[in-house]
Amino acid sequence: MNKYESIFIISTLLEDEKIQEIIGTVKNLIESSGQLEKVDEWGKKRLAYEVNDQKEGYYVLMHFSAEPEFPTELERIYKITEGILKYLIVRREDK
């Protein structure tokens, strides 16, 4: 299993319950296919540039371990989940 980190930005136009629902969905997906190590909710932050005419986003960072095929599935889920503005998945190296 490889170690990964993923950061995603959720639209702040959604209600708080919907934001937490999206975070829960991603958590459950990671836990079902790998090991979730850490969830760090940064909260509402100003975006560096406007995305879909929005100036703010709700940032969430997750560290997890999973098989090499899993990030492709996670990316697919990010793309089809309404409310996720941007995402990034990177492999972490052990030090």
PDB file of N, CA and C in Angstrom:
ATOM      1  N   MET A   1       0.842  -1.191   0.000  1.00  0.00           N
ATOM      2  CA  MET A   1       0.000   0.000   0.000  1.00  0.00           C
ATOM      3  C   MET A   1       0.880   1.244   0.000  1.00  0.00           C
ATOM      4  N   ASN A   2       0.453   2.237  -0.761  1.00  0.00           N
ATOM      5  CA  ASN A   2       1.168   3.500  -0.848  1.00  0.00           C
ATOM      6  C   ASN A   2       0.500   4.538   0.040  1.00  0.00           C
ATOM      7  N   LYS A   3       1.270   5.543   0.425  1.00  0.00           N
ATOM      8  CA  LYS A   3       0.730   6.644   1.225  1.00  0.00           C
ATOM      9  C   LYS A   3       0.385   7.803   0.289  1.00  0.00           C
ATOM     10  N   TYR A   4      -0.776   8.424   0.535  1.00  0.00           N
ATOM     11  CA  TYR A   4      -1.243   9.530  -0.292  1.00  0.00           C
ATOM     12  C   TYR A   4      -1.757  10.657   0.589  1.00  0.00           C
ATOM     13  N   GLU A   5      -1.836  11.817  -0.004  1.00  0.00           N
ATOM     14  CA  GLU A   5      -2.583  12.902   0.620  1.00  0.00           C
ATOM     15  C   GLU A   5      -3.460  13.518  -0.449  1.00  0.00           C
ATOM     16  N   SER A   6      -4.631  13.957  -0.015  1.00  0.00           N
ATOM     17  CA  SER A   6      -5.591  14.542  -0.932  1.00  0.00           C
ATOM     18  C   SER A   6      -6.153  15.800  -0.294  1.00  0.00           C
ATOM     19  N   ILE A   7      -6.195  16.850  -1.073  1.00  0.00           N
ATOM     20  CA  ILE A   7      -6.850  18.072  -0.613  1.00  0.00           C
ATOM     21  C   ILE A   7      -7.969  18.364  -1.601  1.00  0.00           C
ATOM     22  N   PHE A   8      -9.119  18.747  -1.061  1.00  0.00           N
ATOM     23  CA  PHE A   8     -10.213  19.132  -1.938  1.00  0.00           C
ATOM     24  C   PHE A   8     -10.919  20.340  -1.365  1.00  0.00           C
ATOM     25  N   ILE A   9     -11.531  21.103  -2.271  1.00  0.00           N
ATOM     26  CA  ILE A   9     -12.207  22.345  -1.905  1.00  0.00           C
ATOM     27  C   ILE A   9     -13.680  22.194  -2.239  1.00  0.00           C
ATOM     28  N   ILE A  10     -14.509  22.455  -1.229  1.00  0.00           N
ATOM     29  CA  ILE A  10     -15.959  22.340  -1.380  1.00  0.00           C
ATOM     30  C   ILE A  10     -16.554  23.742  -1.484  1.00  0.00           C
ATOM     31  N   SER A  11     -17.572  23.882  -2.289  1.00  0.00           N
ATOM     32  CA  SER A  11     -18.251  25.164  -2.458  1.00  0.00           C
ATOM     33  C   SER A  11     -18.840  25.632  -1.132  1.00  0.00           C
ATOM     34  N   THR A  12     -18.667  26.912  -0.815  1.00  0.00           N
ATOM     35  CA  THR A  12     -19.246  27.471   0.411  1.00  0.00           C
ATOM     36  C   THR A  12     -20.698  27.898   0.216  1.00  0.00           C
ATOM     37  N   LEU A  13     -21.213  27.740  -0.993  1.00  0.00           N
ATOM     38  CA  LEU A  13     -22.628  28.042  -1.240  1.00  0.00           C
ATOM     39  C   LEU A  13     -23.535  26.958  -0.664  1.00  0.00           C
ATOM     40  N   LEU A  14     -22.959  25.798  -0.355  1.00  0.00           N
ATOM     41  CA  LEU A  14     -23.736  24.698   0.222  1.00  0.00           C
ATOM     42  C   LEU A  14     -23.954  24.929   1.710  1.00  0.00           C
ATOM     43  N   GLU A  15     -25.008  24.306   2.255  1.00  0.00           N
ATOM     44  CA  GLU A  15     -25.241  24.384   3.696  1.00  0.00           C
ATOM     45  C   GLU A  15     -24.173  23.563   4.414  1.00  0.00           C
ATOM     46  N   ASP A  16     -23.965  23.872   5.705  1.00  0.00           N
ATOM     47  CA  ASP A  16     -22.958  23.168   6.501  1.00  0.00           C
ATOM     48  C   ASP A  16     -23.210  21.662   6.541  1.00  0.00           C
ATOM     49  N   GLU A  17     -24.489  21.254   6.587  1.00  0.00           N
ATOM     50  CA  GLU A  17     -24.811  19.827   6.628  1.00  0.00           C
ATOM     51  C   GLU A  17     -24.358  19.129   5.349  1.00  0.00           C
ATOM     52  N   LYS A  18     -24.552  19.794   4.209  1.00  0.00           N
ATOM     53  CA  LYS A  18     -24.161  19.215   2.925  1.00  0.00           C
ATOM     54  C   LYS A  18     -22.637  19.115   2.819  1.00  0.00           C
ATOM     55  N   ILE A  19     -21.931  20.131   3.334  1.00  0.00           N
ATOM     56  CA  ILE A  19     -20.462  20.094   3.338  1.00  0.00           C
ATOM     57  C   ILE A  19     -19.986  18.907   4.162  1.00  0.00           C
ATOM     58  N   GLN A  20     -20.562  18.720   5.362  1.00  0.00           N
ATOM     59  CA  GLN A  20     -20.181  17.598   6.219  1.00  0.00           C
ATOM     60  C   GLN A  20     -20.549  16.257   5.576  1.00  0.00           C
ATOM     61  N   GLU A  21     -21.631  16.230   4.823  1.00  0.00           N
ATOM     62  CA  GLU A  21     -22.046  15.009   4.127  1.00  0.00           C
ATOM     63  C   GLU A  21     -21.017  14.620   3.066  1.00  0.00           C
ATOM     64  N   ILE A  22     -20.517  15.612   2.319  1.00  0.00           N
ATOM     65  CA  ILE A  22     -19.493  15.352   1.294  1.00  0.00           C
ATOM     66  C   ILE A  22     -18.218  14.841   1.958  1.00  0.00           C
ATOM     67  N   ILE A  23     -17.800  15.475   3.063  1.00  0.00           N
ATOM     68  CA  ILE A  23     -16.601  15.035   3.783  1.00  0.00           C
ATOM     69  C   ILE A  23     -16.790  13.602   4.275  1.00  0.00           C
ATOM     70  N   GLY A  24     -17.967  13.292   4.814  1.00  0.00           N
ATOM     71  CA  GLY A  24     -18.263  11.946   5.287  1.00  0.00           C
ATOM     72  C   GLY A  24     -18.226  10.921   4.176  1.00  0.00           C
ATOM     73  N   THR A  25     -18.737  11.291   3.014  1.00  0.00           N
ATOM     74  CA  THR A  25     -18.733  10.382   1.864  1.00  0.00           C
ATOM     75  C   THR A  25     -17.303  10.038   1.447  1.00  0.00           C
ATOM     76  N   VAL A  26     -16.445  11.062   1.382  1.00  0.00           N
ATOM     77  CA  VAL A  26     -15.047  10.832   0.989  1.00  0.00           C
ATOM     78  C   VAL A  26     -14.342   9.996   2.058  1.00  0.00           C
ATOM     79  N   LYS A  27     -14.588  10.306   3.329  1.00  0.00           N
ATOM     80  CA  LYS A  27     -13.997   9.521   4.433  1.00  0.00           C
ATOM     81  C   LYS A  27     -14.381   8.053   4.321  1.00  0.00           C
ATOM     82  N   ASN A  28     -15.675   7.783   4.134  1.00  0.00           N
ATOM     83  CA  ASN A  28     -16.157   6.404   4.041  1.00  0.00           C
ATOM     84  C   ASN A  28     -15.551   5.677   2.852  1.00  0.00           C
ATOM     85  N   LEU A  29     -15.419   6.364   1.731  1.00  0.00           N
ATOM     86  CA  LEU A  29     -14.820   5.758   0.544  1.00  0.00           C
ATOM     87  C   LEU A  29     -13.371   5.366   0.823  1.00  0.00           C
ATOM     88  N   ILE A  30     -12.616   6.264   1.445  1.00  0.00           N
ATOM     89  CA  ILE A  30     -11.209   5.982   1.748  1.00  0.00           C
ATOM     90  C   ILE A  30     -11.106   4.842   2.760  1.00  0.00           C
ATOM     91  N   GLU A  31     -11.942   4.874   3.800  1.00  0.00           N
ATOM     92  CA  GLU A  31     -11.894   3.824   4.823  1.00  0.00           C
ATOM     93  C   GLU A  31     -12.276   2.459   4.273  1.00  0.00           C
ATOM     94  N   SER A  32     -13.152   2.424   3.273  1.00  0.00           N
ATOM     95  CA  SER A  32     -13.560   1.140   2.702  1.00  0.00           C
ATOM     96  C   SER A  32     -12.499   0.551   1.771  1.00  0.00           C
ATOM     97  N   SER A  33     -11.619   1.397   1.231  1.00  0.00           N
ATOM     98  CA  SER A  33     -10.620   0.920   0.279  1.00  0.00           C
ATOM     99  C   SER A  33      -9.189   1.042   0.774  1.00  0.00           C
ATOM    100  N   GLY A  34      -8.990   1.615   1.934  1.00  0.00           N
ATOM    101  CA  GLY A  34      -7.643   1.808   2.449  1.00  0.00           C
ATOM    102  C   GLY A  34      -7.685   2.159   3.921  1.00  0.00           C
ATOM    103  N   GLN A  35      -6.648   2.859   4.371  1.00  0.00           N
ATOM    104  CA  GLN A  35      -6.560   3.270   5.768  1.00  0.00           C
ATOM    105  C   GLN A  35      -6.504   4.782   5.832  1.00  0.00           C
ATOM    106  N   LEU A  36      -7.479   5.377   6.486  1.00  0.00           N
ATOM    107  CA  LEU A  36      -7.494   6.825   6.680  1.00  0.00           C
ATOM    108  C   LEU A  36      -6.616   7.146   7.873  1.00  0.00           C
ATOM    109  N   GLU A  37      -5.611   7.994   7.679  1.00  0.00           N
ATOM    110  CA  GLU A  37      -4.670   8.310   8.751  1.00  0.00           C
ATOM    111  C   GLU A  37      -5.004   9.622   9.447  1.00  0.00           C
ATOM    112  N   LYS A  38      -5.432  10.618   8.670  1.00  0.00           N
ATOM    113  CA  LYS A  38      -5.658  11.936   9.263  1.00  0.00           C
ATOM    114  C   LYS A  38      -6.630  12.730   8.397  1.00  0.00           C
ATOM    115  N   VAL A  39      -7.534  13.456   9.056  1.00  0.00           N
ATOM    116  CA  VAL A  39      -8.442  14.374   8.373  1.00  0.00           C
ATOM    117  C   VAL A  39      -8.225  15.738   8.999  1.00  0.00           C
ATOM    118  N   ASP A  40      -7.904  16.709   8.176  1.00  0.00           N
ATOM    119  CA  ASP A  40      -7.638  18.062   8.660  1.00  0.00           C
ATOM    120  C   ASP A  40      -8.565  19.021   7.913  1.00  0.00           C
ATOM    121  N   GLU A  41      -9.591  19.509   8.609  1.00  0.00           N
ATOM    122  CA  GLU A  41     -10.517  20.460   7.999  1.00  0.00           C
ATOM    123  C   GLU A  41      -9.987  21.870   8.244  1.00  0.00           C
ATOM    124  N   TRP A  42      -9.595  22.540   7.176  1.00  0.00           N
ATOM    125  CA  TRP A  42      -9.066  23.899   7.294  1.00  0.00           C
ATOM    126  C   TRP A  42     -10.182  24.929   7.360  1.00  0.00           C
ATOM    127  N   GLY A  43     -11.362  24.550   6.918  1.00  0.00           N
ATOM    128  CA  GLY A  43     -12.497  25.464   6.955  1.00  0.00           C
ATOM    129  C   GLY A  43     -12.535  26.397   5.759  1.00  0.00           C
ATOM    130  N   LYS A  44     -13.294  27.487   5.912  1.00  0.00           N
ATOM    131  CA  LYS A  44     -13.458  28.455   4.819  1.00  0.00           C
ATOM    132  C   LYS A  44     -12.199  29.295   4.664  1.00  0.00           C
ATOM    133  N   LYS A  45     -11.715  29.349   3.443  1.00  0.00           N
ATOM    134  CA  LYS A  45     -10.544  30.163   3.106  1.00  0.00           C
ATOM    135  C   LYS A  45     -10.812  30.845   1.769  1.00  0.00           C
ATOM    136  N   ARG A  46     -10.157  31.960   1.588  1.00  0.00           N
ATOM    137  CA  ARG A  46     -10.249  32.682   0.321  1.00  0.00           C
ATOM    138  C   ARG A  46      -9.445  31.933  -0.737  1.00  0.00           C
ATOM    139  N   LEU A  47     -10.024  31.784  -1.915  1.00  0.00           N
ATOM    140  CA  LEU A  47      -9.346  31.125  -3.027  1.00  0.00           C
ATOM    141  C   LEU A  47      -8.316  32.070  -3.646  1.00  0.00           C
ATOM    142  N   ALA A  48      -7.271  31.521  -4.208  1.00  0.00           N
ATOM    143  CA  ALA A  48      -6.242  32.328  -4.869  1.00  0.00           C
ATOM    144  C   ALA A  48      -6.816  33.009  -6.114  1.00  0.00           C
ATOM    145  N   TYR A  49      -7.775  32.373  -6.750  1.00  0.00           N
ATOM    146  CA  TYR A  49      -8.464  32.933  -7.907  1.00  0.00           C
ATOM    147  C   TYR A  49      -9.890  32.384  -7.900  1.00  0.00           C
ATOM    148  N   GLU A  50     -10.771  33.066  -8.574  1.00  0.00           N
ATOM    149  CA  GLU A  50     -12.174  32.640  -8.596  1.00  0.00           C
ATOM    150  C   GLU A  50     -12.339  31.323  -9.345  1.00  0.00           C
ATOM    151  N   VAL A  51     -13.147  30.445  -8.768  1.00  0.00           N
ATOM    152  CA  VAL A  51     -13.504  29.175  -9.396  1.00  0.00           C
ATOM    153  C   VAL A  51     -15.024  29.145  -9.452  1.00  0.00           C
ATOM    154  N   ASN A  52     -15.567  29.050 -10.639  1.00  0.00           N
ATOM    155  CA  ASN A  52     -17.028  29.065 -10.838  1.00  0.00           C
ATOM    156  C   ASN A  52     -17.661  30.285 -10.169  1.00  0.00           C
ATOM    157  N   ASP A  53     -17.036  31.437 -10.327  1.00  0.00           N
ATOM    158  CA  ASP A  53     -17.504  32.713  -9.765  1.00  0.00           C
ATOM    159  C   ASP A  53     -17.567  32.707  -8.237  1.00  0.00           C
ATOM    160  N   GLN A  54     -16.778  31.873  -7.591  1.00  0.00           N
ATOM    161  CA  GLN A  54     -16.741  31.833  -6.127  1.00  0.00           C
ATOM    162  C   GLN A  54     -15.369  32.287  -5.642  1.00  0.00           C
ATOM    163  N   LYS A  55     -15.366  33.050  -4.568  1.00  0.00           N
ATOM    164  CA  LYS A  55     -14.118  33.587  -4.028  1.00  0.00           C
ATOM    165  C   LYS A  55     -13.639  32.847  -2.795  1.00  0.00           C
ATOM    166  N   GLU A  56     -14.518  32.002  -2.209  1.00  0.00           N
ATOM    167  CA  GLU A  56     -14.173  31.232  -1.020  1.00  0.00           C
ATOM    168  C   GLU A  56     -14.451  29.759  -1.248  1.00  0.00           C
ATOM    169  N   GLY A  57     -13.746  28.926  -0.478  1.00  0.00           N
ATOM    170  CA  GLY A  57     -13.992  27.489  -0.527  1.00  0.00           C
ATOM    171  C   GLY A  57     -13.724  26.883   0.836  1.00  0.00           C
ATOM    172  N   TYR A  58     -14.266  25.699   1.075  1.00  0.00           N
ATOM    173  CA  TYR A  58     -14.068  24.966   2.320  1.00  0.00           C
ATOM    174  C   TYR A  58     -13.013  23.899   2.041  1.00  0.00           C
ATOM    175  N   TYR A  59     -11.833  24.046   2.668  1.00  0.00           N
ATOM    176  CA  TYR A  59     -10.691  23.183   2.396  1.00  0.00           C
ATOM    177  C   TYR A  59     -10.658  21.988   3.350  1.00  0.00           C
ATOM    178  N   VAL A  60     -10.350  20.801   2.798  1.00  0.00           N
ATOM    179  CA  VAL A  60     -10.198  19.580   3.596  1.00  0.00           C
ATOM    180  C   VAL A  60      -8.966  18.822   3.093  1.00  0.00           C
ATOM    181  N   LEU A  61      -8.093  18.447   4.028  1.00  0.00           N
ATOM    182  CA  LEU A  61      -6.881  17.684   3.715  1.00  0.00           C
ATOM    183  C   LEU A  61      -6.989  16.314   4.368  1.00  0.00           C
ATOM    184  N   MET A  62      -6.725  15.255   3.607  1.00  0.00           N
ATOM    185  CA  MET A  62      -6.776  13.892   4.141  1.00  0.00           C
ATOM    186  C   MET A  62      -5.494  13.153   3.798  1.00  0.00           C
ATOM    187  N   HIS A  63      -4.955  12.432   4.787  1.00  0.00           N
ATOM    188  CA  HIS A  63      -3.804  11.556   4.589  1.00  0.00           C
ATOM    189  C   HIS A  63      -4.319  10.126   4.694  1.00  0.00           C
ATOM    190  N   PHE A  64      -3.899   9.264   3.755  1.00  0.00           N
ATOM    191  CA  PHE A  64      -4.382   7.884   3.776  1.00  0.00           C
ATOM    192  C   PHE A  64      -3.400   6.963   3.077  1.00  0.00           C
ATOM    193  N   SER A  65      -3.572   5.667   3.324  1.00  0.00           N
ATOM    194  CA  SER A  65      -2.811   4.624   2.640  1.00  0.00           C
ATOM    195  C   SER A  65      -3.800   3.801   1.831  1.00  0.00           C
ATOM    196  N   ALA A  66      -3.394   3.441   0.618  1.00  0.00           N
ATOM    197  CA  ALA A  66      -4.284   2.669  -0.247  1.00  0.00           C
ATOM    198  C   ALA A  66      -3.474   1.983  -1.339  1.00  0.00           C
ATOM    199  N   GLU A  67      -4.152   1.095  -2.037  1.00  0.00           N
ATOM    200  CA  GLU A  67      -3.535   0.418  -3.182  1.00  0.00           C
ATOM    201  C   GLU A  67      -3.327   1.427  -4.317  1.00  0.00           C
ATOM    202  N   PRO A  68      -2.381   1.177  -5.225  1.00  0.00           N
ATOM    203  CA  PRO A  68      -2.072   2.125  -6.302  1.00  0.00           C
ATOM    204  C   PRO A  68      -3.239   2.456  -7.235  1.00  0.00           C
ATOM    205  N   GLU A  69      -4.237   1.571  -7.338  1.00  0.00           N
ATOM    206  CA  GLU A  69      -5.368   1.821  -8.232  1.00  0.00           C
ATOM    207  C   GLU A  69      -6.401   2.771  -7.616  1.00  0.00           C
ATOM    208  N   PHE A  70      -6.384   2.924  -6.294  1.00  0.00           N
ATOM    209  CA  PHE A  70      -7.438   3.673  -5.607  1.00  0.00           C
ATOM    210  C   PHE A  70      -7.502   5.162  -5.963  1.00  0.00           C
ATOM    211  N   PRO A  71      -6.380   5.879  -6.100  1.00  0.00           N
ATOM    212  CA  PRO A  71      -6.491   7.314  -6.431  1.00  0.00           C
ATOM    213  C   PRO A  71      -7.282   7.602  -7.708  1.00  0.00           C
ATOM    214  N   THR A  72      -7.244   6.702  -8.673  1.00  0.00           N
ATOM    215  CA  THR A  72      -8.028   6.880  -9.894  1.00  0.00           C
ATOM    216  C   THR A  72      -9.518   6.858  -9.575  1.00  0.00           C
ATOM    217  N   GLU A  73      -9.932   5.938  -8.710  1.00  0.00           N
ATOM    218  CA  GLU A  73     -11.340   5.858  -8.296  1.00  0.00           C
ATOM    219  C   GLU A  73     -11.730   7.094  -7.488  1.00  0.00           C
ATOM    220  N   LEU A  74     -10.859   7.530  -6.593  1.00  0.00           N
ATOM    221  CA  LEU A  74     -11.137   8.717  -5.779  1.00  0.00           C
ATOM    222  C   LEU A  74     -11.290   9.953  -6.673  1.00  0.00           C
ATOM    223  N   GLU A  75     -10.442  10.072  -7.674  1.00  0.00           N
ATOM    224  CA  GLU A  75     -10.533  11.187  -8.615  1.00  0.00           C
ATOM    225  C   GLU A  75     -11.865  11.161  -9.367  1.00  0.00           C
ATOM    226  N   ARG A  76     -12.308   9.964  -9.742  1.00  0.00           N
ATOM    227  CA  ARG A  76     -13.594   9.825 -10.425  1.00  0.00           C
ATOM    228  C   ARG A  76     -14.734  10.312  -9.525  1.00  0.00           C
ATOM    229  N   ILE A  77     -14.667   9.959  -8.250  1.00  0.00           N
ATOM    230  CA  ILE A  77     -15.697  10.386  -7.291  1.00  0.00           C
ATOM    231  C   ILE A  77     -15.666  11.909  -7.128  1.00  0.00           C
ATOM    232  N   TYR A  78     -14.468  12.494  -7.035  1.00  0.00           N
ATOM    233  CA  TYR A  78     -14.357  13.951  -6.933  1.00  0.00           C
ATOM    234  C   TYR A  78     -15.014  14.634  -8.132  1.00  0.00           C
ATOM    235  N   LYS A  79     -14.788  14.093  -9.323  1.00  0.00           N
ATOM    236  CA  LYS A  79     -15.316  14.705 -10.542  1.00  0.00           C
ATOM    237  C   LYS A  79     -16.839  14.674 -10.595  1.00  0.00           C
ATOM    238  N   ILE A  80     -17.456  13.610 -10.099  1.00  0.00           N
ATOM    239  CA  ILE A  80     -18.905  13.491 -10.212  1.00  0.00           C
ATOM    240  C   ILE A  80     -19.642  14.036  -8.986  1.00  0.00           C
ATOM    241  N   THR A  81     -18.912  14.421  -7.937  1.00  0.00           N
ATOM    242  CA  THR A  81     -19.564  14.936  -6.738  1.00  0.00           C
ATOM    243  C   THR A  81     -19.858  16.421  -6.913  1.00  0.00           C
ATOM    244  N   GLU A  82     -21.127  16.746  -6.892  1.00  0.00           N
ATOM    245  CA  GLU A  82     -21.533  18.136  -7.029  1.00  0.00           C
ATOM    246  C   GLU A  82     -21.146  18.884  -5.756  1.00  0.00           C
ATOM    247  N   GLY A  83     -20.489  20.018  -5.916  1.00  0.00           N
ATOM    248  CA  GLY A  83     -20.079  20.805  -4.763  1.00  0.00           C
ATOM    249  C   GLY A  83     -18.572  20.841  -4.570  1.00  0.00           C
ATOM    250  N   ILE A  84     -17.840  19.893  -5.172  1.00  0.00           N
ATOM    251  CA  ILE A  84     -16.378  19.916  -5.082  1.00  0.00           C
ATOM    252  C   ILE A  84     -15.859  20.777  -6.222  1.00  0.00           C
ATOM    253  N   LEU A  85     -15.160  21.858  -5.850  1.00  0.00           N
ATOM    254  CA  LEU A  85     -14.655  22.802  -6.847  1.00  0.00           C
ATOM    255  C   LEU A  85     -13.324  22.341  -7.439  1.00  0.00           C
ATOM    256  N   LYS A  86     -12.403  21.947  -6.573  1.00  0.00           N
ATOM    257  CA  LYS A  86     -11.051  21.550  -6.989  1.00  0.00           C
ATOM    258  C   LYS A  86     -10.584  20.419  -6.092  1.00  0.00           C
ATOM    259  N   TYR A  87      -9.624  19.642  -6.576  1.00  0.00           N
ATOM    260  CA  TYR A  87      -9.043  18.566  -5.775  1.00  0.00           C
ATOM    261  C   TYR A  87      -7.632  18.275  -6.259  1.00  0.00           C
ATOM    262  N   LEU A  88      -6.857  17.626  -5.400  1.00  0.00           N
ATOM    263  CA  LEU A  88      -5.508  17.210  -5.764  1.00  0.00           C
ATOM    264  C   LEU A  88      -5.179  15.971  -4.948  1.00  0.00           C
ATOM    265  N   ILE A  89      -4.631  14.955  -5.599  1.00  0.00           N
ATOM    266  CA  ILE A  89      -4.203  13.733  -4.924  1.00  0.00           C
ATOM    267  C   ILE A  89      -2.728  13.539  -5.260  1.00  0.00           C
ATOM    268  N   VAL A  90      -1.881  13.416  -4.248  1.00  0.00           N
ATOM    269  CA  VAL A  90      -0.454  13.193  -4.466  1.00  0.00           C
ATOM    270  C   VAL A  90       0.035  12.039  -3.604  1.00  0.00           C
ATOM    271  N   ARG A  91       1.037  11.351  -4.106  1.00  0.00           N
ATOM    272  CA  ARG A  91       1.644  10.247  -3.351  1.00  0.00           C
ATOM    273  C   ARG A  91       2.706  10.832  -2.432  1.00  0.00           C
ATOM    274  N   ARG A  92       2.690  10.402  -1.177  1.00  0.00           N
ATOM    275  CA  ARG A  92       3.690  10.854  -0.214  1.00  0.00           C
ATOM    276  C   ARG A  92       4.826   9.852  -0.167  1.00  0.00           C
ATOM    277  N   GLU A  93       6.015  10.358   0.002  1.00  0.00           N
ATOM    278  CA  GLU A  93       7.191   9.499   0.136  1.00  0.00           C
ATOM    279  C   GLU A  93       7.508   9.311   1.613  1.00  0.00           C
ATOM    280  N   ASP A  94       7.899   8.104   1.997  1.00  0.00           N
ATOM    281  CA  ASP A  94       8.329   7.853   3.377  1.00  0.00           C
ATOM    282  C   ASP A  94       9.710   8.436   3.594  1.00  0.00           C
ATOM    283  N   LYS A  95       9.873   9.056   4.762  1.00  0.00           N
ATOM    284  CA  LYS A  95      11.191   9.650   5.057  1.00  0.00           C
ATOM    285  C   LYS A  95      11.858   8.901   6.178  1.00  0.00           C
TER     286      LYS A  95
END
